[in-house]
């Protein structure tokens, strides 16, 4: 019988006044910010596409997507980062997407002693999987499947 590890690695990302917690394994690369290529008629949370290793990766402002910020309050250009993540669905046309981050993400060890679930999302269509506390810091765990679903509905070429 396989046992779960006693700790997991996570990445804590500052994003427009809140923090996102992602599994370390989901993160493909952290890039310096460059202005994304705009997408016509995209919602405010879809900032455009960034080039990465031959891919045109959609860039998501999670604070706008989840409705916590009506306008981006990102850090000055020199501190902004783009966090490229693996899309969970395994779709050939959308293998990656990216989150806008303010500064460098922090790698953390997570265990039952350091991670507490404050609330799980019960709202259908919410992009928040759960709200958590990590050593007294609050964070949001994105629902990666829902983020990917919204991207696929906004980007016909990714469907």
N, C-alpha and C. Protein backbone atom coordinates (compact mmCIF):
# COMPACT_ATOMS: atom_id res chain seq x y z
N UNK A 1 0.84 -1.18 0.00
CA UNK A 1 0.00 0.00 0.00
C UNK A 1 0.88 1.24 0.00
N UNK A 2 0.59 2.17 -0.88
CA UNK A 2 1.36 3.42 -0.95
C UNK A 2 0.83 4.41 0.06
N UNK A 3 1.76 5.01 0.80
CA UNK A 3 1.37 6.04 1.76
C UNK A 3 1.65 7.41 1.17
N UNK A 4 0.85 8.37 1.58
CA UNK A 4 1.08 9.74 1.14
C UNK A 4 2.33 10.27 1.82
N UNK A 5 3.08 11.14 1.13
CA UNK A 5 4.26 11.72 1.78
C UNK A 5 3.84 12.59 2.96
N UNK A 6 4.75 12.72 3.93
CA UNK A 6 4.42 13.52 5.11
C UNK A 6 4.45 15.01 4.81
N UNK A 7 5.14 15.39 3.72
CA UNK A 7 5.11 16.80 3.31
C UNK A 7 5.12 16.88 1.79
N UNK A 8 4.58 17.97 1.30
CA UNK A 8 4.54 18.25 -0.14
C UNK A 8 5.20 19.59 -0.37
N UNK A 9 5.66 19.82 -1.59
CA UNK A 9 6.25 21.10 -1.95
C UNK A 9 5.20 21.95 -2.66
N UNK A 10 5.10 23.20 -2.25
CA UNK A 10 4.18 24.12 -2.86
C UNK A 10 4.89 25.41 -3.22
N UNK A 11 4.24 26.21 -4.06
CA UNK A 11 4.77 27.50 -4.47
C UNK A 11 3.75 28.56 -4.08
N UNK A 12 4.21 29.55 -3.32
CA UNK A 12 3.36 30.66 -2.89
C UNK A 12 3.68 31.86 -3.76
N UNK A 13 2.63 32.42 -4.38
CA UNK A 13 2.78 33.50 -5.35
C UNK A 13 2.00 34.72 -4.88
N UNK A 14 2.65 35.86 -4.85
CA UNK A 14 1.97 37.12 -4.57
C UNK A 14 1.30 37.58 -5.86
N UNK A 15 0.01 37.84 -5.80
CA UNK A 15 -0.72 38.25 -7.01
C UNK A 15 -1.75 39.31 -6.65
N UNK A 16 -1.42 40.56 -6.91
CA UNK A 16 -2.32 41.70 -6.71
C UNK A 16 -3.02 41.69 -5.36
N UNK A 17 -2.23 41.65 -4.31
CA UNK A 17 -2.79 41.78 -2.97
C UNK A 17 -3.19 40.49 -2.30
N UNK A 18 -3.23 39.38 -3.03
CA UNK A 18 -3.52 38.10 -2.40
C UNK A 18 -2.38 37.13 -2.73
N UNK A 19 -2.44 35.94 -2.15
CA UNK A 19 -1.42 34.94 -2.42
C UNK A 19 -2.08 33.71 -2.99
N UNK A 20 -1.43 33.11 -3.99
CA UNK A 20 -1.90 31.86 -4.57
C UNK A 20 -0.96 30.76 -4.14
N UNK A 21 -1.52 29.59 -3.87
CA UNK A 21 -0.72 28.41 -3.54
C UNK A 21 -0.94 27.37 -4.63
N UNK A 22 0.17 26.95 -5.24
CA UNK A 22 0.13 25.94 -6.29
C UNK A 22 1.07 24.80 -5.92
N UNK A 23 0.77 23.60 -6.42
CA UNK A 23 1.75 22.52 -6.23
C UNK A 23 3.01 22.82 -7.02
N UNK A 24 4.15 22.56 -6.45
CA UNK A 24 5.42 22.82 -7.13
C UNK A 24 5.48 22.09 -8.47
N UNK A 25 4.93 20.89 -8.54
CA UNK A 25 4.97 20.09 -9.76
C UNK A 25 4.20 20.73 -10.91
N UNK A 26 3.28 21.64 -10.62
CA UNK A 26 2.49 22.29 -11.68
C UNK A 26 3.26 23.40 -12.37
N UNK A 27 4.30 23.91 -11.73
CA UNK A 27 5.03 25.07 -12.26
C UNK A 27 6.10 24.61 -13.25
N UNK A 28 6.00 25.13 -14.48
CA UNK A 28 6.97 24.80 -15.52
C UNK A 28 8.17 25.75 -15.49
N UNK A 29 7.90 27.05 -15.33
CA UNK A 29 8.99 28.02 -15.32
C UNK A 29 8.50 29.38 -14.84
N UNK A 30 9.41 30.17 -14.28
CA UNK A 30 9.13 31.54 -13.87
C UNK A 30 9.90 32.45 -14.82
N UNK A 31 9.19 33.39 -15.45
CA UNK A 31 9.78 34.29 -16.43
C UNK A 31 9.71 35.73 -15.96
N UNK A 32 10.62 36.55 -16.46
CA UNK A 32 10.49 38.00 -16.27
C UNK A 32 9.28 38.47 -17.07
N UNK A 33 8.64 39.50 -16.57
CA UNK A 33 7.45 40.02 -17.24
C UNK A 33 7.82 40.74 -18.52
N UNK A 34 7.06 40.49 -19.56
CA UNK A 34 7.09 41.31 -20.77
C UNK A 34 5.65 41.49 -21.19
N UNK A 35 5.36 42.60 -21.84
CA UNK A 35 3.98 42.88 -22.23
C UNK A 35 3.45 41.75 -23.10
N UNK A 36 2.28 41.21 -22.74
CA UNK A 36 1.72 40.13 -23.54
C UNK A 36 1.14 40.65 -24.85
N UNK A 37 1.05 39.76 -25.82
CA UNK A 37 0.39 40.08 -27.08
C UNK A 37 -1.11 40.09 -26.82
N UNK A 38 -1.80 41.19 -27.11
CA UNK A 38 -3.23 41.29 -26.80
C UNK A 38 -4.06 40.25 -27.57
N UNK A 39 -5.20 39.90 -26.97
CA UNK A 39 -6.17 39.01 -27.59
C UNK A 39 -7.44 39.83 -27.79
N UNK A 40 -7.91 39.90 -29.02
CA UNK A 40 -9.10 40.70 -29.33
C UNK A 40 -10.31 40.20 -28.54
N UNK A 41 -11.05 41.14 -27.98
CA UNK A 41 -12.30 40.88 -27.25
C UNK A 41 -12.13 39.95 -26.05
N UNK A 42 -10.96 39.90 -25.49
CA UNK A 42 -10.72 39.06 -24.31
C UNK A 42 -11.27 39.74 -23.07
N UNK A 43 -11.71 38.95 -22.09
CA UNK A 43 -12.14 39.55 -20.81
C UNK A 43 -10.93 40.16 -20.10
N UNK A 44 -11.19 41.02 -19.13
CA UNK A 44 -10.12 41.75 -18.44
C UNK A 44 -9.11 40.83 -17.76
N UNK A 45 -9.54 39.65 -17.33
CA UNK A 45 -8.63 38.72 -16.63
C UNK A 45 -7.66 38.02 -17.57
N UNK A 46 -7.96 38.00 -18.86
CA UNK A 46 -7.08 37.37 -19.84
C UNK A 46 -6.24 38.47 -20.47
N UNK A 47 -5.01 38.61 -19.99
CA UNK A 47 -4.16 39.75 -20.34
C UNK A 47 -3.55 39.66 -21.73
N UNK A 48 -3.55 38.49 -22.33
CA UNK A 48 -2.95 38.30 -23.65
C UNK A 48 -2.15 37.02 -23.66
N UNK A 49 -1.21 36.94 -24.60
CA UNK A 49 -0.35 35.76 -24.71
C UNK A 49 1.11 36.17 -24.58
N UNK A 50 1.87 35.31 -23.91
CA UNK A 50 3.32 35.50 -23.81
C UNK A 50 4.00 34.36 -24.56
N UNK A 51 5.14 34.68 -25.14
CA UNK A 51 5.91 33.65 -25.84
C UNK A 51 6.79 32.91 -24.84
N UNK A 52 6.74 31.57 -24.97
CA UNK A 52 7.56 30.74 -24.10
C UNK A 52 7.86 29.43 -24.82
N UNK A 53 9.13 29.20 -25.09
CA UNK A 53 9.60 27.95 -25.70
C UNK A 53 8.79 27.54 -26.92
N UNK A 54 8.48 28.49 -27.77
CA UNK A 54 7.74 28.21 -28.99
C UNK A 54 6.23 28.18 -28.83
N UNK A 55 5.73 28.36 -27.63
CA UNK A 55 4.29 28.37 -27.36
C UNK A 55 3.80 29.80 -27.21
N UNK A 56 2.54 30.01 -27.51
CA UNK A 56 1.84 31.25 -27.20
C UNK A 56 0.97 30.94 -25.98
N UNK A 57 1.44 31.31 -24.80
CA UNK A 57 0.81 30.92 -23.54
C UNK A 57 -0.13 32.02 -23.06
N UNK A 58 -1.41 31.70 -22.82
CA UNK A 58 -2.33 32.72 -22.30
C UNK A 58 -1.94 33.14 -20.88
N UNK A 59 -1.97 34.45 -20.63
CA UNK A 59 -1.58 35.03 -19.34
C UNK A 59 -2.83 35.45 -18.58
N UNK A 60 -3.00 34.90 -17.38
CA UNK A 60 -4.19 35.12 -16.54
C UNK A 60 -3.83 36.01 -15.36
N UNK A 61 -4.67 37.01 -15.12
CA UNK A 61 -4.59 37.82 -13.90
C UNK A 61 -5.63 37.21 -12.95
N UNK A 62 -5.17 36.38 -12.03
CA UNK A 62 -6.10 35.63 -11.18
C UNK A 62 -6.97 36.54 -10.32
N UNK A 63 -6.44 37.66 -9.88
CA UNK A 63 -7.23 38.56 -9.04
C UNK A 63 -8.45 39.11 -9.80
N UNK A 64 -8.32 39.31 -11.08
CA UNK A 64 -9.46 39.72 -11.90
C UNK A 64 -10.38 38.55 -12.19
N UNK A 65 -9.81 37.38 -12.40
CA UNK A 65 -10.60 36.19 -12.71
C UNK A 65 -11.50 35.81 -11.55
N UNK A 66 -10.98 35.85 -10.34
CA UNK A 66 -11.80 35.45 -9.19
C UNK A 66 -12.64 36.59 -8.63
N UNK A 67 -12.48 37.79 -9.21
CA UNK A 67 -13.30 38.92 -8.80
C UNK A 67 -12.82 39.65 -7.57
N UNK A 68 -11.62 39.34 -7.06
CA UNK A 68 -11.15 40.01 -5.85
C UNK A 68 -10.60 41.40 -6.13
N UNK A 69 -10.21 41.66 -7.37
CA UNK A 69 -9.70 42.98 -7.75
C UNK A 69 -10.39 43.41 -9.03
N UNK A 70 -10.90 44.62 -9.05
CA UNK A 70 -11.52 45.11 -10.27
C UNK A 70 -10.49 45.64 -11.26
N UNK A 71 -9.33 45.98 -10.77
CA UNK A 71 -8.25 46.40 -11.65
C UNK A 71 -6.94 45.87 -11.10
N UNK A 72 -6.04 45.57 -11.99
CA UNK A 72 -4.76 45.00 -11.55
C UNK A 72 -3.99 46.02 -10.72
N UNK A 73 -3.49 45.57 -9.60
CA UNK A 73 -2.66 46.41 -8.75
C UNK A 73 -1.30 45.74 -8.64
N UNK A 74 -0.73 45.43 -9.78
CA UNK A 74 0.52 44.66 -9.82
C UNK A 74 1.70 45.53 -9.42
N UNK A 75 2.76 44.86 -9.08
CA UNK A 75 4.00 45.53 -8.71
C UNK A 75 4.58 46.25 -9.92
N UNK A 76 5.50 47.11 -9.66
CA UNK A 76 6.19 47.82 -10.73
C UNK A 76 6.83 46.81 -11.68
N UNK A 77 6.99 47.20 -12.94
CA UNK A 77 7.46 46.32 -13.99
C UNK A 77 8.65 45.46 -13.64
N UNK A 78 9.62 45.97 -12.88
CA UNK A 78 10.82 45.21 -12.55
C UNK A 78 10.57 44.03 -11.63
N UNK A 79 9.46 44.03 -10.89
CA UNK A 79 9.16 42.94 -9.97
C UNK A 79 8.14 41.97 -10.52
N UNK A 80 7.45 42.32 -11.55
CA UNK A 80 6.44 41.43 -12.11
C UNK A 80 7.09 40.18 -12.69
N UNK A 81 6.39 39.07 -12.54
CA UNK A 81 6.85 37.81 -13.09
C UNK A 81 5.67 37.11 -13.77
N UNK A 82 6.00 36.17 -14.61
CA UNK A 82 5.02 35.33 -15.28
C UNK A 82 5.33 33.90 -14.86
N UNK A 83 4.35 33.25 -14.28
CA UNK A 83 4.52 31.88 -13.81
C UNK A 83 3.82 30.94 -14.79
N UNK A 84 4.59 30.23 -15.59
CA UNK A 84 4.04 29.28 -16.56
C UNK A 84 3.72 27.99 -15.82
N UNK A 85 2.48 27.53 -15.98
CA UNK A 85 2.04 26.30 -15.30
C UNK A 85 1.51 25.29 -16.31
N UNK A 86 1.58 24.03 -15.93
CA UNK A 86 1.05 22.95 -16.77
C UNK A 86 -0.46 22.92 -16.61
N UNK A 87 -1.17 22.94 -17.73
CA UNK A 87 -2.62 22.82 -17.68
C UNK A 87 -2.98 21.39 -17.29
N UNK A 88 -3.92 21.21 -16.37
CA UNK A 88 -4.21 19.87 -15.87
C UNK A 88 -4.92 18.95 -16.85
N UNK A 89 -5.59 19.52 -17.85
CA UNK A 89 -6.41 18.71 -18.75
C UNK A 89 -5.65 17.91 -19.79
N UNK A 90 -4.40 18.27 -20.04
CA UNK A 90 -3.62 17.54 -21.02
C UNK A 90 -4.06 17.75 -22.46
N UNK A 91 -4.72 18.87 -22.75
CA UNK A 91 -5.17 19.17 -24.11
C UNK A 91 -4.00 19.63 -24.96
N UNK A 92 -3.88 19.07 -26.13
CA UNK A 92 -2.75 19.37 -27.02
C UNK A 92 -2.68 20.85 -27.40
N UNK A 93 -3.82 21.51 -27.49
CA UNK A 93 -3.83 22.91 -27.91
C UNK A 93 -3.69 23.90 -26.75
N UNK A 94 -3.77 23.40 -25.53
CA UNK A 94 -3.59 24.27 -24.35
C UNK A 94 -2.84 23.50 -23.27
N UNK A 95 -1.56 23.18 -23.54
CA UNK A 95 -0.81 22.42 -22.55
C UNK A 95 -0.32 23.27 -21.38
N UNK A 96 -0.27 24.59 -21.57
CA UNK A 96 0.23 25.50 -20.54
C UNK A 96 -0.61 26.77 -20.51
N UNK A 97 -0.64 27.41 -19.36
CA UNK A 97 -1.11 28.78 -19.25
C UNK A 97 -0.23 29.44 -18.20
N UNK A 98 -0.44 30.72 -17.96
CA UNK A 98 0.45 31.44 -17.05
C UNK A 98 -0.36 32.34 -16.13
N UNK A 99 0.20 32.58 -14.95
CA UNK A 99 -0.36 33.52 -13.99
C UNK A 99 0.57 34.71 -13.87
N UNK A 100 -0.01 35.90 -13.73
CA UNK A 100 0.75 37.10 -13.45
C UNK A 100 1.09 37.10 -11.96
N UNK A 101 2.35 37.36 -11.63
CA UNK A 101 2.79 37.37 -10.23
C UNK A 101 3.53 38.66 -9.94
N UNK A 102 3.48 39.08 -8.69
CA UNK A 102 4.21 40.26 -8.22
C UNK A 102 5.43 39.76 -7.46
N UNK A 103 6.56 39.73 -8.11
CA UNK A 103 7.78 39.25 -7.46
C UNK A 103 7.98 37.76 -7.65
N UNK A 104 9.03 37.26 -7.01
CA UNK A 104 9.38 35.85 -7.15
C UNK A 104 8.49 34.98 -6.28
N UNK A 105 8.10 33.82 -6.77
CA UNK A 105 7.35 32.88 -5.94
C UNK A 105 8.26 32.27 -4.87
N UNK A 106 7.65 31.80 -3.78
CA UNK A 106 8.39 31.17 -2.69
C UNK A 106 8.08 29.69 -2.64
N UNK A 107 9.10 28.88 -2.62
CA UNK A 107 8.95 27.44 -2.47
C UNK A 107 8.73 27.13 -0.99
N UNK A 108 7.73 26.28 -0.71
CA UNK A 108 7.40 25.96 0.68
C UNK A 108 7.19 24.47 0.84
N UNK A 109 7.54 23.97 2.01
CA UNK A 109 7.19 22.60 2.39
C UNK A 109 5.86 22.66 3.12
N UNK A 110 4.93 21.84 2.70
CA UNK A 110 3.59 21.84 3.29
C UNK A 110 3.35 20.50 3.98
N UNK A 111 2.76 20.55 5.16
CA UNK A 111 2.41 19.34 5.89
C UNK A 111 1.09 19.60 6.62
N UNK A 112 0.58 18.57 7.26
CA UNK A 112 -0.65 18.75 8.04
C UNK A 112 -0.46 19.78 9.14
N UNK A 113 0.75 19.89 9.66
CA UNK A 113 1.03 20.83 10.75
C UNK A 113 1.11 22.27 10.27
N UNK A 114 1.49 22.50 9.00
CA UNK A 114 1.67 23.87 8.51
C UNK A 114 0.54 24.37 7.62
N UNK A 115 -0.32 23.46 7.13
CA UNK A 115 -1.37 23.84 6.19
C UNK A 115 -2.74 23.56 6.80
N UNK A 116 -3.58 24.58 6.83
CA UNK A 116 -4.93 24.45 7.36
C UNK A 116 -5.92 24.94 6.32
N UNK A 117 -6.93 24.14 6.02
CA UNK A 117 -7.98 24.56 5.11
C UNK A 117 -8.96 25.44 5.87
N UNK A 118 -9.14 26.67 5.40
CA UNK A 118 -10.07 27.59 6.04
C UNK A 118 -11.47 27.45 5.47
N UNK A 119 -11.54 27.28 4.14
CA UNK A 119 -12.84 27.12 3.47
C UNK A 119 -12.62 26.51 2.10
N UNK A 120 -13.49 25.57 1.75
CA UNK A 120 -13.49 25.04 0.41
C UNK A 120 -14.58 25.76 -0.37
N UNK A 121 -14.37 25.93 -1.65
CA UNK A 121 -15.37 26.62 -2.47
C UNK A 121 -16.53 25.68 -2.72
N UNK A 122 -17.72 26.21 -2.58
CA UNK A 122 -18.91 25.43 -2.89
C UNK A 122 -19.70 26.08 -4.03
N UNK A 123 -19.16 27.17 -4.55
CA UNK A 123 -19.85 27.87 -5.63
C UNK A 123 -19.54 27.20 -6.97
N UNK A 124 -20.56 26.80 -7.72
CA UNK A 124 -20.29 26.24 -9.04
C UNK A 124 -19.61 27.27 -9.93
N UNK A 125 -18.61 26.84 -10.67
CA UNK A 125 -17.91 27.74 -11.58
C UNK A 125 -16.89 28.65 -10.93
N UNK A 126 -16.64 28.47 -9.63
CA UNK A 126 -15.65 29.29 -8.95
C UNK A 126 -14.25 28.85 -9.37
N UNK A 127 -13.36 29.82 -9.49
CA UNK A 127 -11.96 29.52 -9.82
C UNK A 127 -11.13 29.32 -8.56
N UNK A 128 -11.78 29.32 -7.41
CA UNK A 128 -11.09 29.08 -6.15
C UNK A 128 -11.45 27.68 -5.66
N UNK A 129 -10.44 26.85 -5.47
CA UNK A 129 -10.66 25.51 -4.94
C UNK A 129 -10.81 25.56 -3.43
N UNK A 130 -9.92 26.34 -2.77
CA UNK A 130 -9.98 26.45 -1.31
C UNK A 130 -9.23 27.69 -0.85
N UNK A 131 -9.57 28.13 0.34
CA UNK A 131 -8.81 29.17 1.04
C UNK A 131 -8.08 28.47 2.18
N UNK A 132 -6.79 28.77 2.29
CA UNK A 132 -5.97 28.04 3.27
C UNK A 132 -5.12 29.01 4.09
N UNK A 133 -4.58 28.48 5.18
CA UNK A 133 -3.60 29.19 5.99
C UNK A 133 -2.34 28.33 6.02
N UNK A 134 -1.20 28.97 5.78
CA UNK A 134 0.09 28.31 5.82
C UNK A 134 0.93 29.05 6.83
N UNK A 135 1.18 28.43 7.97
CA UNK A 135 1.95 29.10 9.01
C UNK A 135 1.45 30.52 9.26
N UNK A 136 0.17 30.69 9.41
CA UNK A 136 -0.47 31.97 9.70
C UNK A 136 -0.54 32.94 8.52
N UNK A 137 -0.16 32.51 7.33
CA UNK A 137 -0.34 33.33 6.13
C UNK A 137 -1.54 32.77 5.37
N UNK A 138 -2.40 33.65 4.88
CA UNK A 138 -3.55 33.17 4.12
C UNK A 138 -3.21 33.10 2.63
N UNK A 139 -3.84 32.15 1.95
CA UNK A 139 -3.62 31.97 0.52
C UNK A 139 -4.86 31.35 -0.10
N UNK A 140 -4.91 31.44 -1.41
CA UNK A 140 -5.99 30.86 -2.19
C UNK A 140 -5.39 29.76 -3.05
N UNK A 141 -6.06 28.61 -3.08
CA UNK A 141 -5.66 27.52 -3.97
C UNK A 141 -6.57 27.61 -5.19
N UNK A 142 -6.01 27.94 -6.37
CA UNK A 142 -6.84 28.05 -7.57
C UNK A 142 -7.39 26.69 -8.00
N UNK A 143 -8.58 26.70 -8.56
CA UNK A 143 -9.14 25.51 -9.19
C UNK A 143 -8.59 25.48 -10.62
N UNK A 144 -7.50 24.77 -10.80
CA UNK A 144 -6.80 24.77 -12.08
C UNK A 144 -7.68 24.24 -13.21
N UNK A 145 -8.54 23.27 -12.92
CA UNK A 145 -9.45 22.75 -13.94
C UNK A 145 -10.42 23.82 -14.41
N UNK A 146 -10.94 24.62 -13.48
CA UNK A 146 -11.88 25.68 -13.84
C UNK A 146 -11.18 26.80 -14.61
N UNK A 147 -9.96 27.16 -14.21
CA UNK A 147 -9.20 28.18 -14.94
C UNK A 147 -8.98 27.70 -16.38
N UNK A 148 -8.58 26.45 -16.53
CA UNK A 148 -8.37 25.89 -17.87
C UNK A 148 -9.67 25.88 -18.67
N UNK A 149 -10.77 25.52 -18.04
CA UNK A 149 -12.07 25.51 -18.72
C UNK A 149 -12.45 26.90 -19.22
N UNK A 150 -12.22 27.90 -18.39
CA UNK A 150 -12.53 29.28 -18.82
C UNK A 150 -11.64 29.72 -19.97
N UNK A 151 -10.37 29.35 -19.93
CA UNK A 151 -9.47 29.68 -21.03
C UNK A 151 -9.93 29.00 -22.32
N UNK A 152 -10.30 27.75 -22.22
CA UNK A 152 -10.75 27.02 -23.43
C UNK A 152 -12.03 27.64 -24.00
N UNK A 153 -12.90 28.18 -23.15
CA UNK A 153 -14.11 28.82 -23.67
C UNK A 153 -13.82 30.18 -24.30
N UNK A 154 -12.77 30.86 -23.85
CA UNK A 154 -12.40 32.16 -24.40
C UNK A 154 -11.50 32.06 -25.63
N UNK A 155 -10.80 30.95 -25.76
CA UNK A 155 -9.84 30.78 -26.86
C UNK A 155 -10.31 29.64 -27.75
N UNK A 156 -11.05 29.93 -28.80
CA UNK A 156 -11.60 28.88 -29.66
C UNK A 156 -10.53 27.93 -30.21
N UNK A 157 -9.34 28.45 -30.45
CA UNK A 157 -8.27 27.59 -30.99
C UNK A 157 -7.77 26.59 -29.95
N UNK A 158 -8.11 26.78 -28.69
CA UNK A 158 -7.67 25.86 -27.63
C UNK A 158 -8.74 24.83 -27.30
N UNK A 159 -9.91 24.95 -27.90
CA UNK A 159 -11.02 24.03 -27.57
C UNK A 159 -10.85 22.68 -28.21
